[in-house]
Amino acid sequence: MSAKTFQAWIDIQELPKHIVSQFPFLLGVVLAWYVTGDINWSIFFTAMAAVYFMTNGTYISNEYYDYEGDRINTSSIGGEKQSVTSTGGTRVLAKGLIKREHTLIASIVCFILSIPLGLMLQFYFHTGVWTIPIGAVGIFVGWFYTAPPIRAAYNSLGEIFMAVGFGLLVFLGYYIMAGFSWLPVLVMLPWAICTPALKILREFPDYEADVTTNKRNLVVRFGRVRMSIVYAAMVVIVFLLLIPVVVRAPSWWFLLLSLPVFMLGRSAIIMFTGKWHERKSLETAAINGFLGYLALPVALLLAFLIQSSVR
């Protein structure tokens, strides 16, 4: 394998974006520690590996099934310089750096590797009867997000799939450590709403390519003007859902939420006022929205972590 091919395999995994799944999982674990004062590190690392493989399988399969759209997409944010805030895929397949059929095999292998880890969690570590069902839902939404016959991202179901998949990560992190509780449900709700909101936002720069490839996501189906208002409204809902979380565990450390609130608020204002028509403003909205989205579970994680440490 040449150095160029090896780098292409690294790029297609979108490793920086794995923090999108690891941070909410870590948030769930920290919530469990906040309640019980204990962490089983064997369970922690086993589950983290399972989450990694499911996320990797999802990202790689998305590259495979989004090939046509990525190939003709010239308006994605980031362009050839891919970063954590980029849209439109890695373009590894569009450039022909890896054989497309090899990526399909790699994604299937990743999903398969997560299965014995899930079995180990439930039957060896006895993490609870819902461990495997939650993992099965994760594999289902990850694979059928772009794979036929469901192709959720192409049939206006992508937002729901992402809300379920990423929202469950908070609950999973808590459940395998401490069992069932309504606390992780309460904490995951703002994240579960923010996830589809971000997807809507990131569909704006890819709109033309999505229309060309008949990717019937919500922005294509209902139009950019309507969905810009919907995005702003969803951000407001996220802010409102954060209030019960702060009330449930009041602390000055929740001022850490100021950063994601500012970034998400800034992106929502740009979209609501129609400034997304300007390319530079749209990029600002998308970047702020994504960074605010990432900062949200991090701020919650740190707030609960610090509270657990000082009490």
C-alpha atoms as a PDB file:
ATOM      1  CA  MET A   1       0.000   0.000   0.000  1.00  0.00           C
ATOM      2  CA  SER A   2       1.419   3.369  -1.029  1.00  0.00           C
ATOM      3  CA  ALA A   3       1.641   6.296   1.367  1.00  0.00           C
ATOM      4  CA  LYS A   4      -1.019   8.096  -0.695  1.00  0.00           C
ATOM      5  CA  THR A   5      -3.440   5.188  -0.422  1.00  0.00           C
ATOM      6  CA  PHE A   6      -2.772   4.826   3.294  1.00  0.00           C
ATOM      7  CA  GLN A   7      -3.510   8.525   3.818  1.00  0.00           C
ATOM      8  CA  ALA A   8      -6.709   8.140   1.787  1.00  0.00           C
ATOM      9  CA  TRP A   9      -7.883   5.382   4.146  1.00  0.00           C
ATOM     10  CA  ILE A  10      -7.155   7.664   7.092  1.00  0.00           C
ATOM     11  CA  ASP A  11      -9.027  10.547   5.471  1.00  0.00           C
ATOM     12  CA  ILE A  12     -12.143   8.544   4.568  1.00  0.00           C
ATOM     13  CA  GLN A  13     -12.670   7.600   8.216  1.00  0.00           C
ATOM     14  CA  GLU A  14     -13.074  11.298   9.099  1.00  0.00           C
ATOM     15  CA  LEU A  15     -11.373  10.657  12.426  1.00  0.00           C
ATOM     16  CA  PRO A  16     -11.777  14.246  13.734  1.00  0.00           C
ATOM     17  CA  LYS A  17     -15.551  13.880  13.344  1.00  0.00           C
ATOM     18  CA  HIS A  18     -15.569  10.834  15.625  1.00  0.00           C
ATOM     19  CA  ILE A  19     -15.732  13.286  18.497  1.00  0.00           C
ATOM     20  CA  VAL A  20     -19.374  13.811  17.447  1.00  0.00           C
ATOM     21  CA  SER A  21     -20.118  10.328  18.793  1.00  0.00           C
ATOM     22  CA  GLN A  22     -17.504  10.030  21.531  1.00  0.00           C
ATOM     23  CA  PHE A  23     -18.383  13.232  23.411  1.00  0.00           C
ATOM     24  CA  PRO A  24     -22.087  12.391  23.963  1.00  0.00           C
ATOM     25  CA  PHE A  25     -21.073   8.865  24.996  1.00  0.00           C
ATOM     26  CA  LEU A  26     -18.585  10.355  27.457  1.00  0.00           C
ATOM     27  CA  LEU A  27     -21.308  12.693  28.703  1.00  0.00           C
ATOM     28  CA  GLY A  28     -23.464   9.680  29.552  1.00  0.00           C
ATOM     29  CA  VAL A  29     -20.563   8.043  31.417  1.00  0.00           C
ATOM     30  CA  VAL A  30     -19.883  11.235  33.382  1.00  0.00           C
ATOM     31  CA  LEU A  31     -23.578  11.445  34.304  1.00  0.00           C
ATOM     32  CA  ALA A  32     -23.322   7.909  35.689  1.00  0.00           C
ATOM     33  CA  TRP A  33     -20.280   8.937  37.711  1.00  0.00           C
ATOM     34  CA  TYR A  34     -22.159  12.029  38.903  1.00  0.00           C
ATOM     35  CA  VAL A  35     -24.915   9.775  40.282  1.00  0.00           C
ATOM     36  CA  THR A  36     -22.970   6.708  41.473  1.00  0.00           C
ATOM     37  CA  GLY A  37     -19.442   8.023  42.031  1.00  0.00           C
ATOM     38  CA  ASP A  38     -17.989   5.037  40.173  1.00  0.00           C
ATOM     39  CA  ILE A  39     -16.769   4.056  36.675  1.00  0.00           C
ATOM     40  CA  ASN A  40     -16.008   0.536  35.454  1.00  0.00           C
ATOM     41  CA  TRP A  41     -13.066   1.172  33.139  1.00  0.00           C
ATOM     42  CA  SER A  42     -13.262  -2.216  31.402  1.00  0.00           C
ATOM     43  CA  ILE A  43     -16.842  -1.499  30.400  1.00  0.00           C
ATOM     44  CA  PHE A  44     -15.881   2.037  29.424  1.00  0.00           C
ATOM     45  CA  PHE A  45     -13.127   1.076  26.957  1.00  0.00           C
ATOM     46  CA  THR A  46     -15.090  -1.841  25.502  1.00  0.00           C
ATOM     47  CA  ALA A  47     -18.099   0.374  24.831  1.00  0.00           C
ATOM     48  CA  MET A  48     -15.940   3.169  23.452  1.00  0.00           C
ATOM     49  CA  ALA A  49     -14.419   0.741  20.946  1.00  0.00           C
ATOM     50  CA  ALA A  50     -17.894  -0.436  19.927  1.00  0.00           C
ATOM     51  CA  VAL A  51     -19.023   3.156  19.395  1.00  0.00           C
ATOM     52  CA  TYR A  52     -15.904   3.825  17.335  1.00  0.00           C
ATOM     53  CA  PHE A  53     -16.534   0.874  15.003  1.00  0.00           C
ATOM     54  CA  MET A  54     -20.216   1.756  14.515  1.00  0.00           C
ATOM     55  CA  THR A  55     -19.332   5.383  13.782  1.00  0.00           C
ATOM     56  CA  ASN A  56     -16.565   4.359  11.409  1.00  0.00           C
ATOM     57  CA  GLY A  57     -18.868   1.979   9.581  1.00  0.00           C
ATOM     58  CA  THR A  58     -21.412   4.769   9.239  1.00  0.00           C
ATOM     59  CA  TYR A  59     -18.962   7.344   7.886  1.00  0.00           C
ATOM     60  CA  ILE A  60     -17.379   4.962   5.391  1.00  0.00           C
ATOM     61  CA  SER A  61     -20.713   3.614   4.123  1.00  0.00           C
ATOM     62  CA  ASN A  62     -21.904   7.199   3.701  1.00  0.00           C
ATOM     63  CA  GLU A  63     -18.895   7.884   1.486  1.00  0.00           C
ATOM     64  CA  TYR A  64     -19.791   4.830  -0.620  1.00  0.00           C
ATOM     65  CA  TYR A  65     -23.473   5.663  -1.101  1.00  0.00           C
ATOM     66  CA  ASP A  66     -22.958   9.442  -1.393  1.00  0.00           C
ATOM     67  CA  TYR A  67     -20.383   8.992  -4.167  1.00  0.00           C
ATOM     68  CA  GLU A  68     -22.417  10.564  -6.984  1.00  0.00           C
ATOM     69  CA  GLY A  69     -23.348  13.618  -4.963  1.00  0.00           C
ATOM     70  CA  ASP A  70     -19.830  14.129  -3.611  1.00  0.00           C
ATOM     71  CA  ARG A  71     -18.389  13.789  -7.125  1.00  0.00           C
ATOM     72  CA  ILE A  72     -20.358  16.722  -8.528  1.00  0.00           C
ATOM     73  CA  ASN A  73     -20.500  18.857  -5.377  1.00  0.00           C
ATOM     74  CA  THR A  74     -18.539  22.067  -5.950  1.00  0.00           C
ATOM     75  CA  SER A  75     -20.225  24.222  -3.306  1.00  0.00           C
ATOM     76  CA  SER A  76     -19.416  22.261  -0.151  1.00  0.00           C
ATOM     77  CA  ILE A  77     -17.859  24.098   2.771  1.00  0.00           C
ATOM     78  CA  GLY A  78     -14.167  23.362   3.012  1.00  0.00           C
ATOM     79  CA  GLY A  79     -13.799  22.307  -0.627  1.00  0.00           C
ATOM     80  CA  GLU A  80     -10.587  20.360  -1.131  1.00  0.00           C
ATOM     81  CA  LYS A  81      -9.359  21.328   2.343  1.00  0.00           C
ATOM     82  CA  GLN A  82     -11.376  18.996   4.525  1.00  0.00           C
ATOM     83  CA  SER A  83     -11.730  19.761   8.219  1.00  0.00           C
ATOM     84  CA  VAL A  84     -14.074  18.959  11.054  1.00  0.00           C
ATOM     85  CA  THR A  85     -16.465  21.678   9.854  1.00  0.00           C
ATOM     86  CA  SER A  86     -16.458  20.629   6.175  1.00  0.00           C
ATOM     87  CA  THR A  87     -19.500  19.392   4.266  1.00  0.00           C
ATOM     88  CA  GLY A  88     -19.790  17.245   1.161  1.00  0.00           C
ATOM     89  CA  GLY A  89     -17.721  14.243   2.274  1.00  0.00           C
ATOM     90  CA  THR A  90     -13.982  13.614   2.101  1.00  0.00           C
ATOM     91  CA  ARG A  91     -13.846  13.374  -1.731  1.00  0.00           C
ATOM     92  CA  VAL A  92     -11.514  10.380  -1.409  1.00  0.00           C
ATOM     93  CA  LEU A  93     -13.726   8.312  -3.721  1.00  0.00           C
ATOM     94  CA  ALA A  94     -14.443  11.274  -5.993  1.00  0.00           C
ATOM     95  CA  LYS A  95     -10.685  11.556  -6.585  1.00  0.00           C
ATOM     96  CA  GLY A  96     -10.354   7.804  -7.183  1.00  0.00           C
ATOM     97  CA  LEU A  97      -7.850   7.360  -4.349  1.00  0.00           C
ATOM     98  CA  ILE A  98      -9.507   4.128  -3.149  1.00  0.00           C
ATOM     99  CA  LYS A  99     -11.563   1.556  -5.030  1.00  0.00           C
ATOM    100  CA  ARG A 100     -15.182   2.222  -4.205  1.00  0.00           C
ATOM    101  CA  GLU A 101     -16.061  -1.438  -3.592  1.00  0.00           C
ATOM    102  CA  HIS A 102     -13.277  -1.662  -1.001  1.00  0.00           C
ATOM    103  CA  THR A 103     -14.929   1.026   1.105  1.00  0.00           C
ATOM    104  CA  LEU A 104     -18.201  -0.917   1.156  1.00  0.00           C
ATOM    105  CA  ILE A 105     -16.355  -3.971   2.493  1.00  0.00           C
ATOM    106  CA  ALA A 106     -14.535  -1.842   5.078  1.00  0.00           C
ATOM    107  CA  SER A 107     -17.781  -0.349   6.368  1.00  0.00           C
ATOM    108  CA  ILE A 108     -19.387  -3.787   6.742  1.00  0.00           C
ATOM    109  CA  VAL A 109     -16.307  -5.074   8.584  1.00  0.00           C
ATOM    110  CA  CYS A 110     -16.510  -2.142  11.020  1.00  0.00           C
ATOM    111  CA  PHE A 111     -20.142  -2.869  11.839  1.00  0.00           C
ATOM    112  CA  ILE A 112     -19.370  -6.573  12.297  1.00  0.00           C
ATOM    113  CA  LEU A 113     -16.490  -5.786  14.670  1.00  0.00           C
ATOM    114  CA  SER A 114     -18.866  -3.867  16.937  1.00  0.00           C
ATOM    115  CA  ILE A 115     -21.113  -6.908  17.447  1.00  0.00           C
ATOM    116  CA  PRO A 116     -18.846  -9.094  19.660  1.00  0.00           C
ATOM    117  CA  LEU A 117     -18.091  -6.011  21.769  1.00  0.00           C
ATOM    118  CA  GLY A 118     -21.806  -5.504  22.348  1.00  0.00           C
ATOM    119  CA  LEU A 119     -22.225  -9.178  23.233  1.00  0.00           C
ATOM    120  CA  MET A 120     -19.329  -8.898  25.671  1.00  0.00           C
ATOM    121  CA  LEU A 121     -20.893  -5.879  27.339  1.00  0.00           C
ATOM    122  CA  GLN A 122     -24.249  -7.540  27.887  1.00  0.00           C
ATOM    123  CA  PHE A 123     -23.295 -11.132  28.659  1.00  0.00           C
ATOM    124  CA  TYR A 124     -19.837 -10.807  30.221  1.00  0.00           C
ATOM    125  CA  PHE A 125     -20.038  -7.430  31.949  1.00  0.00           C
ATOM    126  CA  HIS A 126     -23.814  -7.719  32.523  1.00  0.00           C
ATOM    127  CA  THR A 127     -24.532  -4.131  31.542  1.00  0.00           C
ATOM    128  CA  GLY A 128     -28.267  -4.736  31.143  1.00  0.00           C
ATOM    129  CA  VAL A 129     -30.802  -6.263  28.775  1.00  0.00           C
ATOM    130  CA  TRP A 130     -31.064  -3.094  26.686  1.00  0.00           C
ATOM    131  CA  THR A 131     -27.367  -3.065  25.730  1.00  0.00           C
ATOM    132  CA  ILE A 132     -27.698  -5.180  22.580  1.00  0.00           C
ATOM    133  CA  PRO A 133     -30.991  -3.578  21.445  1.00  0.00           C
ATOM    134  CA  ILE A 134     -29.427  -0.125  21.745  1.00  0.00           C
ATOM    135  CA  GLY A 135     -26.404  -1.325  19.769  1.00  0.00           C
ATOM    136  CA  ALA A 136     -28.691  -2.882  17.149  1.00  0.00           C
ATOM    137  CA  VAL A 137     -30.493   0.441  16.736  1.00  0.00           C
ATOM    138  CA  GLY A 138     -27.105   2.126  16.323  1.00  0.00           C
ATOM    139  CA  ILE A 139     -26.081  -0.281  13.540  1.00  0.00           C
ATOM    140  CA  PHE A 140     -29.492   0.033  11.886  1.00  0.00           C
ATOM    141  CA  VAL A 141     -29.533   3.831  11.735  1.00  0.00           C
ATOM    142  CA  GLY A 142     -25.840   3.981  10.808  1.00  0.00           C
ATOM    143  CA  TRP A 143     -26.144   1.585   7.878  1.00  0.00           C
ATOM    144  CA  PHE A 144     -29.535   2.579   6.497  1.00  0.00           C
ATOM    145  CA  TYR A 145     -28.805   6.279   6.822  1.00  0.00           C
ATOM    146  CA  THR A 146     -27.599   6.127   3.218  1.00  0.00           C
ATOM    147  CA  ALA A 147     -27.882   2.422   2.271  1.00  0.00           C
ATOM    148  CA  PRO A 148     -30.883   1.005   0.401  1.00  0.00           C
ATOM    149  CA  PRO A 149     -33.672   0.208   0.679  1.00  0.00           C
ATOM    150  CA  ILE A 150     -34.352   2.880   3.332  1.00  0.00           C
ATOM    151  CA  ARG A 151     -31.722   5.487   2.355  1.00  0.00           C
ATOM    152  CA  ALA A 152     -32.935   7.758   5.149  1.00  0.00           C
ATOM    153  CA  ALA A 153     -30.791  10.739   4.130  1.00  0.00           C
ATOM    154  CA  TYR A 154     -32.324  10.598   0.653  1.00  0.00           C
ATOM    155  CA  ASN A 155     -35.943  10.342   1.795  1.00  0.00           C
ATOM    156  CA  SER A 156     -36.315  13.063   4.448  1.00  0.00           C
ATOM    157  CA  LEU A 157     -35.670  10.613   7.294  1.00  0.00           C
ATOM    158  CA  GLY A 158     -32.011  11.472   7.838  1.00  0.00           C
ATOM    159  CA  GLU A 159     -32.755  14.023  10.550  1.00  0.00           C
ATOM    160  CA  ILE A 160     -34.779  11.479  12.551  1.00  0.00           C
ATOM    161  CA  PHE A 161     -32.108   8.805  12.144  1.00  0.00           C
ATOM    162  CA  MET A 162     -29.414  11.184  13.367  1.00  0.00           C
ATOM    163  CA  ALA A 163     -31.487  12.349  16.340  1.00  0.00           C
ATOM    164  CA  VAL A 164     -32.063   8.748  17.417  1.00  0.00           C
ATOM    165  CA  GLY A 165     -28.531   7.532  16.735  1.00  0.00           C
ATOM    166  CA  PHE A 166     -26.599  10.346  18.374  1.00  0.00           C
ATOM    167  CA  GLY A 167     -29.141  10.945  21.134  1.00  0.00           C
ATOM    168  CA  LEU A 168     -28.983   7.314  22.245  1.00  0.00           C
ATOM    169  CA  LEU A 169     -25.229   7.641  22.819  1.00  0.00           C
ATOM    170  CA  VAL A 170     -25.822   9.737  25.946  1.00  0.00           C
ATOM    171  CA  PHE A 171     -28.276   7.176  27.272  1.00  0.00           C
ATOM    172  CA  LEU A 172     -25.951   4.278  26.358  1.00  0.00           C
ATOM    173  CA  GLY A 173     -23.008   5.809  28.230  1.00  0.00           C
ATOM    174  CA  TYR A 174     -25.154   6.105  31.357  1.00  0.00           C
ATOM    175  CA  TYR A 175     -27.038   2.818  31.024  1.00  0.00           C
ATOM    176  CA  ILE A 176     -24.040   0.491  30.800  1.00  0.00           C
ATOM    177  CA  MET A 177     -22.613   2.080  33.943  1.00  0.00           C
ATOM    178  CA  ALA A 178     -25.641   2.699  36.134  1.00  0.00           C
ATOM    179  CA  GLY A 179     -28.746   1.188  34.560  1.00  0.00           C
ATOM    180  CA  PHE A 180     -31.936   2.985  33.590  1.00  0.00           C
ATOM    181  CA  SER A 181     -32.617   6.563  34.689  1.00  0.00           C
ATOM    182  CA  TRP A 182     -34.511   9.581  33.382  1.00  0.00           C
ATOM    183  CA  LEU A 183     -31.501  11.848  33.977  1.00  0.00           C
ATOM    184  CA  PRO A 184     -29.653  10.886  30.745  1.00  0.00           C
ATOM    185  CA  VAL A 185     -32.944  11.237  28.856  1.00  0.00           C
ATOM    186  CA  LEU A 186     -33.335  14.772  30.206  1.00  0.00           C
ATOM    187  CA  VAL A 187     -29.734  15.649  29.330  1.00  0.00           C
ATOM    188  CA  MET A 188     -29.795  14.057  25.879  1.00  0.00           C
ATOM    189  CA  LEU A 189     -32.906  15.926  24.675  1.00  0.00           C
ATOM    190  CA  PRO A 190     -31.123  19.216  23.784  1.00  0.00           C
ATOM    191  CA  TRP A 191     -28.455  17.203  21.920  1.00  0.00           C
ATOM    192  CA  ALA A 192     -31.114  15.069  20.192  1.00  0.00           C
ATOM    193  CA  ILE A 193     -32.807  18.223  18.847  1.00  0.00           C
ATOM    194  CA  CYS A 194     -29.535  19.962  18.019  1.00  0.00           C
ATOM    195  CA  THR A 195     -28.356  17.015  15.884  1.00  0.00           C
ATOM    196  CA  PRO A 196     -31.086  17.180  13.203  1.00  0.00           C
ATOM    197  CA  ALA A 197     -30.938  20.978  13.362  1.00  0.00           C
ATOM    198  CA  LEU A 198     -27.269  20.820  12.434  1.00  0.00           C
ATOM    199  CA  LYS A 199     -28.006  18.385   9.615  1.00  0.00           C
ATOM    200  CA  ILE A 200     -30.526  20.852   8.197  1.00  0.00           C
ATOM    201  CA  LEU A 201     -27.946  23.632   8.387  1.00  0.00           C
ATOM    202  CA  ARG A 202     -25.263  21.562   6.671  1.00  0.00           C
ATOM    203  CA  GLU A 203     -27.636  20.699   3.824  1.00  0.00           C
ATOM    204  CA  PHE A 204     -27.643  24.333   2.676  1.00  0.00           C
ATOM    205  CA  PRO A 205     -24.156  24.454   1.078  1.00  0.00           C
ATOM    206  CA  ASP A 206     -24.727  21.019  -0.520  1.00  0.00           C
ATOM    207  CA  TYR A 207     -28.167  21.956  -1.876  1.00  0.00           C
ATOM    208  CA  GLU A 208     -27.362  22.027  -5.598  1.00  0.00           C
ATOM    209  CA  ALA A 209     -25.593  18.660  -5.541  1.00  0.00           C
ATOM    210  CA  ASP A 210     -28.428  17.138  -3.498  1.00  0.00           C
ATOM    211  CA  VAL A 211     -31.023  18.363  -6.011  1.00  0.00           C
ATOM    212  CA  THR A 212     -29.011  16.956  -8.924  1.00  0.00           C
ATOM    213  CA  THR A 213     -28.713  13.503  -7.319  1.00  0.00           C
ATOM    214  CA  ASN A 214     -32.362  13.504  -6.122  1.00  0.00           C
ATOM    215  CA  LYS A 215     -31.355  13.493  -2.465  1.00  0.00           C
ATOM    216  CA  ARG A 216     -34.725  14.416  -1.011  1.00  0.00           C
ATOM    217  CA  ASN A 217     -33.639  15.717   2.355  1.00  0.00           C
ATOM    218  CA  LEU A 218     -35.742  18.292   4.199  1.00  0.00           C
ATOM    219  CA  VAL A 219     -34.018  21.313   2.673  1.00  0.00           C
ATOM    220  CA  VAL A 220     -34.533  19.992  -0.864  1.00  0.00           C
ATOM    221  CA  ARG A 221     -38.121  18.942  -0.140  1.00  0.00           C
ATOM    222  CA  PHE A 222     -39.331  22.098   1.612  1.00  0.00           C
ATOM    223  CA  GLY A 223     -36.896  24.710   0.317  1.00  0.00           C
ATOM    224  CA  ARG A 224     -34.117  26.747   1.889  1.00  0.00           C
ATOM    225  CA  VAL A 225     -36.267  29.697   2.946  1.00  0.00           C
ATOM    226  CA  ARG A 226     -38.634  27.594   5.058  1.00  0.00           C
ATOM    227  CA  MET A 227     -35.913  25.412   6.508  1.00  0.00           C
ATOM    228  CA  SER A 228     -33.800  28.396   7.523  1.00  0.00           C
ATOM    229  CA  ILE A 229     -36.693  29.400   9.810  1.00  0.00           C
ATOM    230  CA  VAL A 230     -37.083  25.813  11.023  1.00  0.00           C
ATOM    231  CA  TYR A 231     -33.389  25.673  11.887  1.00  0.00           C
ATOM    232  CA  ALA A 232     -33.590  28.873  13.938  1.00  0.00           C
ATOM    233  CA  ALA A 233     -36.700  27.570  15.736  1.00  0.00           C
ATOM    234  CA  MET A 234     -34.971  24.283  16.569  1.00  0.00           C
ATOM    235  CA  VAL A 235     -32.026  26.151  18.090  1.00  0.00           C
ATOM    236  CA  VAL A 236     -34.471  28.061  20.320  1.00  0.00           C
ATOM    237  CA  ILE A 237     -35.985  24.711  21.385  1.00  0.00           C
ATOM    238  CA  VAL A 238     -32.485  23.459  22.251  1.00  0.00           C
ATOM    239  CA  PHE A 239     -31.983  26.497  24.497  1.00  0.00           C
ATOM    240  CA  LEU A 240     -35.340  25.888  26.220  1.00  0.00           C
ATOM    241  CA  LEU A 241     -34.521  22.205  26.797  1.00  0.00           C
ATOM    242  CA  LEU A 242     -31.289  23.188  28.526  1.00  0.00           C
ATOM    243  CA  ILE A 243     -33.246  24.973  31.269  1.00  0.00           C
ATOM    244  CA  PRO A 244     -34.531  21.768  32.983  1.00  0.00           C
ATOM    245  CA  VAL A 245     -30.992  20.354  32.895  1.00  0.00           C
ATOM    246  CA  VAL A 246     -29.587  23.386  34.711  1.00  0.00           C
ATOM    247  CA  VAL A 247     -32.494  23.328  37.191  1.00  0.00           C
ATOM    248  CA  ARG A 248     -31.919  19.603  37.851  1.00  0.00           C
ATOM    249  CA  ALA A 249     -28.293  20.166  38.843  1.00  0.00           C
ATOM    250  CA  PRO A 250     -27.777  23.881  39.501  1.00  0.00           C
ATOM    251  CA  SER A 251     -24.177  25.038  39.445  1.00  0.00           C
ATOM    252  CA  TRP A 252     -22.128  28.023  38.312  1.00  0.00           C
ATOM    253  CA  TRP A 253     -20.261  25.578  36.091  1.00  0.00           C
ATOM    254  CA  PHE A 254     -23.202  25.563  33.703  1.00  0.00           C
ATOM    255  CA  LEU A 255     -21.954  28.973  32.592  1.00  0.00           C
ATOM    256  CA  LEU A 256     -19.764  26.827  30.338  1.00  0.00           C
ATOM    257  CA  LEU A 257     -22.889  26.516  28.194  1.00  0.00           C
ATOM    258  CA  SER A 258     -22.419  30.160  27.235  1.00  0.00           C
ATOM    259  CA  LEU A 259     -20.009  29.175  24.463  1.00  0.00           C
ATOM    260  CA  PRO A 260     -22.251  26.702  22.592  1.00  0.00           C
ATOM    261  CA  VAL A 261     -25.259  28.957  23.199  1.00  0.00           C
ATOM    262  CA  PHE A 262     -23.408  31.906  21.644  1.00  0.00           C
ATOM    263  CA  MET A 263     -22.235  29.908  18.607  1.00  0.00           C
ATOM    264  CA  LEU A 264     -25.584  28.242  17.976  1.00  0.00           C
ATOM    265  CA  GLY A 265     -27.372  31.538  18.534  1.00  0.00           C
ATOM    266  CA  ARG A 266     -25.103  33.298  16.048  1.00  0.00           C
ATOM    267  CA  SER A 267     -25.766  30.681  13.378  1.00  0.00           C
ATOM    268  CA  ALA A 268     -29.520  30.816  14.043  1.00  0.00           C
ATOM    269  CA  ILE A 269     -29.589  34.612  13.649  1.00  0.00           C
ATOM    270  CA  ILE A 270     -27.787  34.403  10.307  1.00  0.00           C
ATOM    271  CA  MET A 271     -30.248  31.804   9.046  1.00  0.00           C
ATOM    272  CA  PHE A 272     -33.351  33.547  10.426  1.00  0.00           C
ATOM    273  CA  THR A 273     -32.436  36.926   8.923  1.00  0.00           C
ATOM    274  CA  GLY A 274     -31.825  35.425   5.476  1.00  0.00           C
ATOM    275  CA  LYS A 275     -28.114  36.227   5.371  1.00  0.00           C
ATOM    276  CA  TRP A 276     -27.482  32.617   4.345  1.00  0.00           C
ATOM    277  CA  HIS A 277     -27.980  33.806   0.759  1.00  0.00           C
ATOM    278  CA  GLU A 278     -24.444  35.211   1.004  1.00  0.00           C
ATOM    279  CA  ARG A 279     -21.838  32.490   0.680  1.00  0.00           C
ATOM    280  CA  LYS A 280     -19.543  33.900   3.352  1.00  0.00           C
ATOM    281  CA  SER A 281     -22.401  34.314   5.841  1.00  0.00           C
ATOM    282  CA  LEU A 282     -23.581  30.763   5.165  1.00  0.00           C
ATOM    283  CA  GLU A 283     -20.093  29.441   5.877  1.00  0.00           C
ATOM    284  CA  THR A 284     -20.017  31.447   9.104  1.00  0.00           C
ATOM    285  CA  ALA A 285     -23.394  30.020  10.123  1.00  0.00           C
ATOM    286  CA  ALA A 286     -22.403  26.445   9.279  1.00  0.00           C
ATOM    287  CA  ILE A 287     -19.055  26.636  11.061  1.00  0.00           C
ATOM    288  CA  ASN A 288     -20.523  28.306  14.167  1.00  0.00           C
ATOM    289  CA  GLY A 289     -23.404  25.857  14.182  1.00  0.00           C
ATOM    290  CA  PHE A 290     -21.121  22.837  13.999  1.00  0.00           C
ATOM    291  CA  LEU A 291     -18.678  24.109  16.626  1.00  0.00           C
ATOM    292  CA  GLY A 292     -21.562  25.064  18.908  1.00  0.00           C
ATOM    293  CA  TYR A 293     -23.033  21.618  18.374  1.00  0.00           C
ATOM    294  CA  LEU A 294     -19.735  19.995  19.404  1.00  0.00           C
ATOM    295  CA  ALA A 295     -19.293  22.339  22.349  1.00  0.00           C
ATOM    296  CA  LEU A 296     -22.747  21.531  23.747  1.00  0.00           C
ATOM    297  CA  PRO A 297     -22.007  17.997  25.076  1.00  0.00           C
ATOM    298  CA  VAL A 298     -18.483  19.095  26.071  1.00  0.00           C
ATOM    299  CA  ALA A 299     -19.848  21.936  28.211  1.00  0.00           C
ATOM    300  CA  LEU A 300     -22.400  19.640  29.844  1.00  0.00           C
ATOM    301  CA  LEU A 301     -19.750  16.975  30.360  1.00  0.00           C
ATOM    302  CA  LEU A 302     -17.366  19.412  32.050  1.00  0.00           C
ATOM    303  CA  ALA A 303     -20.105  20.900  34.228  1.00  0.00           C
ATOM    304  CA  PHE A 304     -21.182  17.501  35.575  1.00  0.00           C
ATOM    305  CA  LEU A 305     -17.584  16.279  35.799  1.00  0.00           C
ATOM    306  CA  ILE A 306     -16.473  19.252  37.887  1.00  0.00           C
ATOM    307  CA  GLN A 307     -19.550  18.996  40.103  1.00  0.00           C
ATOM    308  CA  SER A 308     -18.794  15.313  40.708  1.00  0.00           C
ATOM    309  CA  SER A 309     -15.185  16.135  41.605  1.00  0.00           C
ATOM    310  CA  VAL A 310     -15.813  18.968  44.058  1.00  0.00           C
ATOM    311  CA  ARG A 311     -18.808  17.761  46.010  1.00  0.00           C
END
